[in-house]
Amino acid sequence: MALHRAMQREAGAMNENTQVVTFQSSGSLFAVPVNRVRQILDTQPIAPLPNSPAELLGLIDVRGESIAVTDLSELLSRGPTEDTSETRILILSLVNGQHGATVGLKTERVIEVTELDAGGIKSPADAGITTWDENVLTGIGRRNGSFVCILNLEKLFSEGVRRKTPEFASQRAIETSEEFTLT
């Protein structure tokens, strides 16, 4: 019940007047607030990381900064995103407590910067979705009559996903190497 109230507060913070970037992945429409998008890039070579999960594609260089790129479709267990002329990488800002992070999110295509249709944003539970992990969504709205899933970036890239990033993996390797010493 507390989670449901938290989702309602978060969805309530966004309204149909909030500017969002809409994009497509695996045939579904998604959105994130425009103020969370630092850049939208054409697809480019991604340096793969050894032993990384399928959704963590690797690293790209953005103005001298190494950015981990995650395939949204793979992250949502829908298979890999095929590269086309419309494939894009959204460079997103995450806020987690007092720490920030920048991540790349590969999508089939970016549609537009827009406002959602009037009528409000509903939490997944209010929309009748009761058997799915709603944590990755802030809410569900509409654009031109089509449903748009508004991603909760912090939940999408929470501990379960962060443990797969190079920084976490490096730290974990140091921690676990202390447990296994050769004698």
C-alpha atoms as a PDB file:
ATOM      1  CA  MET A   1       0.000   0.000   0.000  1.00  0.00           C
ATOM      2  CA  ALA A   2       2.869   2.398   0.821  1.00  0.00           C
ATOM      3  CA  LEU A   3       4.436   1.653  -2.559  1.00  0.00           C
ATOM      4  CA  HIS A   4       1.133   2.457  -4.256  1.00  0.00           C
ATOM      5  CA  ARG A   5       0.951   5.842  -2.455  1.00  0.00           C
ATOM      6  CA  ALA A   6       4.564   6.609  -3.386  1.00  0.00           C
ATOM      7  CA  MET A   7       3.792   5.829  -7.030  1.00  0.00           C
ATOM      8  CA  GLN A   8       0.751   8.111  -6.909  1.00  0.00           C
ATOM      9  CA  ARG A   9       2.871  10.961  -5.470  1.00  0.00           C
ATOM     10  CA  GLU A  10       5.516  10.470  -8.146  1.00  0.00           C
ATOM     11  CA  ALA A  11       2.912  10.291 -10.923  1.00  0.00           C
ATOM     12  CA  GLY A  12       1.190  13.310  -9.428  1.00  0.00           C
ATOM     13  CA  ALA A  13       4.412  15.317  -9.647  1.00  0.00           C
ATOM     14  CA  MET A  14       4.228  14.886 -13.405  1.00  0.00           C
ATOM     15  CA  ASN A  15       1.175  16.052 -15.241  1.00  0.00           C
ATOM     16  CA  GLU A  16       0.067  16.366 -18.816  1.00  0.00           C
ATOM     17  CA  ASN A  17       1.815  19.766 -19.007  1.00  0.00           C
ATOM     18  CA  THR A  18       5.210  18.228 -18.255  1.00  0.00           C
ATOM     19  CA  GLN A  19       7.460  18.082 -21.298  1.00  0.00           C
ATOM     20  CA  VAL A  20       8.601  14.526 -22.060  1.00  0.00           C
ATOM     21  CA  VAL A  21      10.737  12.811 -24.659  1.00  0.00           C
ATOM     22  CA  THR A  22       8.772   9.945 -26.189  1.00  0.00           C
ATOM     23  CA  PHE A  23      10.479   6.940 -27.736  1.00  0.00           C
ATOM     24  CA  GLN A  24       9.738   3.426 -28.884  1.00  0.00           C
ATOM     25  CA  SER A  25      11.163   0.116 -27.748  1.00  0.00           C
ATOM     26  CA  SER A  26       9.819  -3.320 -28.710  1.00  0.00           C
ATOM     27  CA  GLY A  27       6.706  -1.744 -30.178  1.00  0.00           C
ATOM     28  CA  SER A  28       5.751   0.090 -26.965  1.00  0.00           C
ATOM     29  CA  LEU A  29       5.816   3.823 -26.323  1.00  0.00           C
ATOM     30  CA  PHE A  30       7.851   5.153 -23.413  1.00  0.00           C
ATOM     31  CA  ALA A  31       8.616   8.602 -22.048  1.00  0.00           C
ATOM     32  CA  VAL A  32      10.989  10.345 -19.677  1.00  0.00           C
ATOM     33  CA  PRO A  33      10.847  13.958 -18.505  1.00  0.00           C
ATOM     34  CA  VAL A  34      12.761  16.154 -20.931  1.00  0.00           C
ATOM     35  CA  ASN A  35      14.828  17.640 -18.093  1.00  0.00           C
ATOM     36  CA  ARG A  36      16.399  14.194 -17.534  1.00  0.00           C
ATOM     37  CA  VAL A  37      17.668  13.916 -21.137  1.00  0.00           C
ATOM     38  CA  ARG A  38      21.137  15.357 -21.630  1.00  0.00           C
ATOM     39  CA  GLN A  39      21.528  14.338 -25.245  1.00  0.00           C
ATOM     40  CA  ILE A  40      20.098  12.148 -27.994  1.00  0.00           C
ATOM     41  CA  LEU A  41      22.746  10.371 -30.074  1.00  0.00           C
ATOM     42  CA  ASP A  42      22.689   8.403 -33.279  1.00  0.00           C
ATOM     43  CA  THR A  43      23.779   4.820 -32.806  1.00  0.00           C
ATOM     44  CA  GLN A  44      27.537   4.427 -32.671  1.00  0.00           C
ATOM     45  CA  PRO A  45      30.111   1.763 -31.918  1.00  0.00           C
ATOM     46  CA  ILE A  46      29.807   0.505 -28.346  1.00  0.00           C
ATOM     47  CA  ALA A  47      32.826  -1.031 -26.619  1.00  0.00           C
ATOM     48  CA  PRO A  48      31.567  -4.324 -25.161  1.00  0.00           C
ATOM     49  CA  LEU A  49      32.370  -5.312 -21.599  1.00  0.00           C
ATOM     50  CA  PRO A  50      33.480  -8.859 -20.798  1.00  0.00           C
ATOM     51  CA  ASN A  51      31.013 -11.018 -18.856  1.00  0.00           C
ATOM     52  CA  SER A  52      28.343  -8.334 -18.907  1.00  0.00           C
ATOM     53  CA  PRO A  53      24.644  -9.183 -19.006  1.00  0.00           C
ATOM     54  CA  ALA A  54      22.852  -8.924 -22.349  1.00  0.00           C
ATOM     55  CA  GLU A  55      21.177  -5.614 -21.499  1.00  0.00           C
ATOM     56  CA  LEU A  56      24.484  -3.885 -20.662  1.00  0.00           C
ATOM     57  CA  LEU A  57      25.843  -3.300 -24.157  1.00  0.00           C
ATOM     58  CA  GLY A  58      29.091  -1.630 -23.122  1.00  0.00           C
ATOM     59  CA  LEU A  59      30.602   1.837 -23.070  1.00  0.00           C
ATOM     60  CA  ILE A  60      30.591   4.842 -25.355  1.00  0.00           C
ATOM     61  CA  ASP A  61      32.613   8.022 -25.148  1.00  0.00           C
ATOM     62  CA  VAL A  62      30.622  11.242 -24.823  1.00  0.00           C
ATOM     63  CA  ARG A  63      32.907  14.276 -24.682  1.00  0.00           C
ATOM     64  CA  GLY A  64      35.592  12.350 -22.810  1.00  0.00           C
ATOM     65  CA  GLU A  65      33.175  10.703 -20.371  1.00  0.00           C
ATOM     66  CA  SER A  66      32.656   6.922 -20.408  1.00  0.00           C
ATOM     67  CA  ILE A  67      28.929   6.191 -20.458  1.00  0.00           C
ATOM     68  CA  ALA A  68      27.455   2.726 -19.919  1.00  0.00           C
ATOM     69  CA  VAL A  69      24.770   1.922 -22.506  1.00  0.00           C
ATOM     70  CA  THR A  70      21.832  -0.327 -21.664  1.00  0.00           C
ATOM     71  CA  ASP A  71      19.403  -1.777 -24.209  1.00  0.00           C
ATOM     72  CA  LEU A  72      15.909  -0.948 -22.913  1.00  0.00           C
ATOM     73  CA  SER A  73      14.342  -3.821 -24.820  1.00  0.00           C
ATOM     74  CA  GLU A  74      16.773  -6.346 -23.279  1.00  0.00           C
ATOM     75  CA  LEU A  75      16.329  -4.779 -19.844  1.00  0.00           C
ATOM     76  CA  LEU A  76      12.578  -5.364 -20.138  1.00  0.00           C
ATOM     77  CA  SER A  77      13.159  -8.979 -21.285  1.00  0.00           C
ATOM     78  CA  ARG A  78      11.932  -8.347 -24.824  1.00  0.00           C
ATOM     79  CA  GLY A  79      15.067  -9.267 -26.772  1.00  0.00           C
ATOM     80  CA  PRO A  80      17.742  -7.046 -28.308  1.00  0.00           C
ATOM     81  CA  THR A  81      17.113  -3.810 -30.179  1.00  0.00           C
ATOM     82  CA  GLU A  82      18.206  -4.153 -33.798  1.00  0.00           C
ATOM     83  CA  ASP A  83      20.151  -1.195 -35.168  1.00  0.00           C
ATOM     84  CA  THR A  84      18.339   0.790 -37.855  1.00  0.00           C
ATOM     85  CA  SER A  85      18.695   4.317 -39.200  1.00  0.00           C
ATOM     86  CA  GLU A  86      16.232   5.407 -36.475  1.00  0.00           C
ATOM     87  CA  THR A  87      17.983   3.736 -33.511  1.00  0.00           C
ATOM     88  CA  ARG A  88      19.038   6.262 -30.875  1.00  0.00           C
ATOM     89  CA  ILE A  89      20.868   6.382 -27.574  1.00  0.00           C
ATOM     90  CA  LEU A  90      19.339   8.648 -24.944  1.00  0.00           C
ATOM     91  CA  ILE A  91      21.934  10.063 -22.551  1.00  0.00           C
ATOM     92  CA  LEU A  92      20.049  10.375 -19.264  1.00  0.00           C
ATOM     93  CA  SER A  93      20.720  11.931 -15.863  1.00  0.00           C
ATOM     94  CA  LEU A  94      19.870   9.825 -12.834  1.00  0.00           C
ATOM     95  CA  VAL A  95      19.428  11.149  -9.327  1.00  0.00           C
ATOM     96  CA  ASN A  96      19.861   8.724  -6.472  1.00  0.00           C
ATOM     97  CA  GLY A  97      19.880  10.456  -3.103  1.00  0.00           C
ATOM     98  CA  GLN A  98      22.678  12.997  -3.271  1.00  0.00           C
ATOM     99  CA  HIS A  99      24.529  11.146  -6.023  1.00  0.00           C
ATOM    100  CA  GLY A 100      24.003  11.545  -9.722  1.00  0.00           C
ATOM    101  CA  ALA A 101      24.916   9.330 -12.631  1.00  0.00           C
ATOM    102  CA  THR A 102      24.763   9.472 -16.379  1.00  0.00           C
ATOM    103  CA  VAL A 103      23.642   6.457 -18.417  1.00  0.00           C
ATOM    104  CA  GLY A 104      22.856   5.663 -22.029  1.00  0.00           C
ATOM    105  CA  LEU A 105      19.598   3.987 -23.002  1.00  0.00           C
ATOM    106  CA  LYS A 106      19.368   2.413 -26.465  1.00  0.00           C
ATOM    107  CA  THR A 107      15.925   2.637 -28.087  1.00  0.00           C
ATOM    108  CA  GLU A 108      14.388   1.772 -31.457  1.00  0.00           C
ATOM    109  CA  ARG A 109      13.610   5.398 -32.180  1.00  0.00           C
ATOM    110  CA  VAL A 110      12.926   8.745 -30.568  1.00  0.00           C
ATOM    111  CA  ILE A 111       9.577  10.183 -31.542  1.00  0.00           C
ATOM    112  CA  GLU A 112       9.268  13.701 -30.161  1.00  0.00           C
ATOM    113  CA  VAL A 113       9.500  16.146 -27.305  1.00  0.00           C
ATOM    114  CA  THR A 114       5.908  16.778 -26.315  1.00  0.00           C
ATOM    115  CA  GLU A 115       3.297  17.031 -23.606  1.00  0.00           C
ATOM    116  CA  LEU A 116       1.012  14.105 -22.844  1.00  0.00           C
ATOM    117  CA  ASP A 117      -2.707  14.238 -23.619  1.00  0.00           C
ATOM    118  CA  ALA A 118      -5.009  15.897 -21.103  1.00  0.00           C
ATOM    119  CA  GLY A 119      -6.609  13.489 -18.682  1.00  0.00           C
ATOM    120  CA  GLY A 120      -3.784  12.884 -16.279  1.00  0.00           C
ATOM    121  CA  ILE A 121      -1.169  10.319 -15.596  1.00  0.00           C
ATOM    122  CA  LYS A 122      -2.265   7.208 -13.760  1.00  0.00           C
ATOM    123  CA  SER A 123      -0.170   4.932 -11.610  1.00  0.00           C
ATOM    124  CA  PRO A 124       0.096   1.407 -13.015  1.00  0.00           C
ATOM    125  CA  ALA A 125      -2.172   0.118 -10.228  1.00  0.00           C
ATOM    126  CA  ASP A 126      -4.807   2.752 -11.048  1.00  0.00           C
ATOM    127  CA  ALA A 127      -4.585   1.659 -14.682  1.00  0.00           C
ATOM    128  CA  GLY A 128      -5.524  -1.886 -13.648  1.00  0.00           C
ATOM    129  CA  ILE A 129      -2.062  -3.413 -13.853  1.00  0.00           C
ATOM    130  CA  THR A 130      -1.828  -5.548 -10.733  1.00  0.00           C
ATOM    131  CA  THR A 131       0.335  -8.535 -11.639  1.00  0.00           C
ATOM    132  CA  TRP A 132       3.394  -6.757 -12.989  1.00  0.00           C
ATOM    133  CA  ASP A 133       6.318  -5.125 -11.200  1.00  0.00           C
ATOM    134  CA  GLU A 134       5.258  -1.514 -11.507  1.00  0.00           C
ATOM    135  CA  ASN A 135       8.414  -0.116  -9.914  1.00  0.00           C
ATOM    136  CA  VAL A 136       9.989   0.779 -13.254  1.00  0.00           C
ATOM    137  CA  LEU A 137       7.071   3.051 -14.181  1.00  0.00           C
ATOM    138  CA  THR A 138       6.191   6.457 -12.784  1.00  0.00           C
ATOM    139  CA  GLY A 139       2.842   6.248 -14.492  1.00  0.00           C
ATOM    140  CA  ILE A 140       0.878   5.674 -17.660  1.00  0.00           C
ATOM    141  CA  GLY A 141      -0.373   8.502 -19.818  1.00  0.00           C
ATOM    142  CA  ARG A 142      -1.529   8.953 -23.389  1.00  0.00           C
ATOM    143  CA  ARG A 143      -0.197  10.732 -26.442  1.00  0.00           C
ATOM    144  CA  ASN A 144      -2.470  11.057 -29.479  1.00  0.00           C
ATOM    145  CA  GLY A 145      -4.652   8.376 -27.889  1.00  0.00           C
ATOM    146  CA  SER A 146      -1.824   5.810 -27.548  1.00  0.00           C
ATOM    147  CA  PHE A 147      -0.650   4.585 -24.160  1.00  0.00           C
ATOM    148  CA  VAL A 148       2.732   5.913 -23.026  1.00  0.00           C
ATOM    149  CA  CYS A 149       4.653   4.258 -20.182  1.00  0.00           C
ATOM    150  CA  ILE A 150       6.568   6.860 -18.192  1.00  0.00           C
ATOM    151  CA  LEU A 151       9.781   5.314 -16.931  1.00  0.00           C
ATOM    152  CA  ASN A 152      11.006   5.701 -13.369  1.00  0.00           C
ATOM    153  CA  LEU A 153      14.694   5.989 -14.228  1.00  0.00           C
ATOM    154  CA  GLU A 154      15.974   5.501 -10.689  1.00  0.00           C
ATOM    155  CA  LYS A 155      14.019   2.263 -10.285  1.00  0.00           C
ATOM    156  CA  LEU A 156      14.895   1.077 -13.780  1.00  0.00           C
ATOM    157  CA  PHE A 157      18.583   1.523 -13.000  1.00  0.00           C
ATOM    158  CA  SER A 158      18.328   0.442  -9.369  1.00  0.00           C
ATOM    159  CA  GLU A 159      20.642  -1.935  -7.520  1.00  0.00           C
ATOM    160  CA  GLY A 160      19.709  -4.874  -9.728  1.00  0.00           C
ATOM    161  CA  VAL A 161      20.908  -3.069 -12.816  1.00  0.00           C
ATOM    162  CA  ARG A 162      23.676  -1.035 -11.196  1.00  0.00           C
ATOM    163  CA  ARG A 163      25.386  -4.185  -9.988  1.00  0.00           C
ATOM    164  CA  LYS A 164      26.068  -4.833 -13.669  1.00  0.00           C
ATOM    165  CA  THR A 165      27.862  -1.521 -14.309  1.00  0.00           C
ATOM    166  CA  PRO A 166      31.665  -1.395 -14.595  1.00  0.00           C
ATOM    167  CA  GLU A 167      32.052   0.698 -11.413  1.00  0.00           C
ATOM    168  CA  PHE A 168      30.038  -1.767  -9.348  1.00  0.00           C
ATOM    169  CA  ALA A 169      31.712  -4.757 -10.978  1.00  0.00           C
ATOM    170  CA  SER A 170      35.173  -3.322 -10.263  1.00  0.00           C
ATOM    171  CA  GLN A 171      34.306  -2.624  -6.639  1.00  0.00           C
ATOM    172  CA  ARG A 172      32.737  -6.085  -6.250  1.00  0.00           C
ATOM    173  CA  ALA A 173      35.824  -7.715  -7.761  1.00  0.00           C
ATOM    174  CA  ILE A 174      38.004  -5.951  -5.178  1.00  0.00           C
ATOM    175  CA  GLU A 175      35.655  -6.965  -2.359  1.00  0.00           C
ATOM    176  CA  THR A 176      35.449 -10.609  -3.417  1.00  0.00           C
ATOM    177  CA  SER A 177      39.175 -10.933  -4.143  1.00  0.00           C
ATOM    178  CA  GLU A 178      39.826 -10.291  -0.463  1.00  0.00           C
ATOM    179  CA  GLU A 179      37.626 -13.294   0.357  1.00  0.00           C
ATOM    180  CA  PHE A 180      39.629 -15.653  -1.876  1.00  0.00           C
ATOM    181  CA  THR A 181      43.290 -15.483  -1.025  1.00  0.00           C
ATOM    182  CA  LEU A 182      45.770 -18.012  -2.305  1.00  0.00           C
ATOM    183  CA  THR A 183      47.878 -19.762   0.284  1.00  0.00           C
END
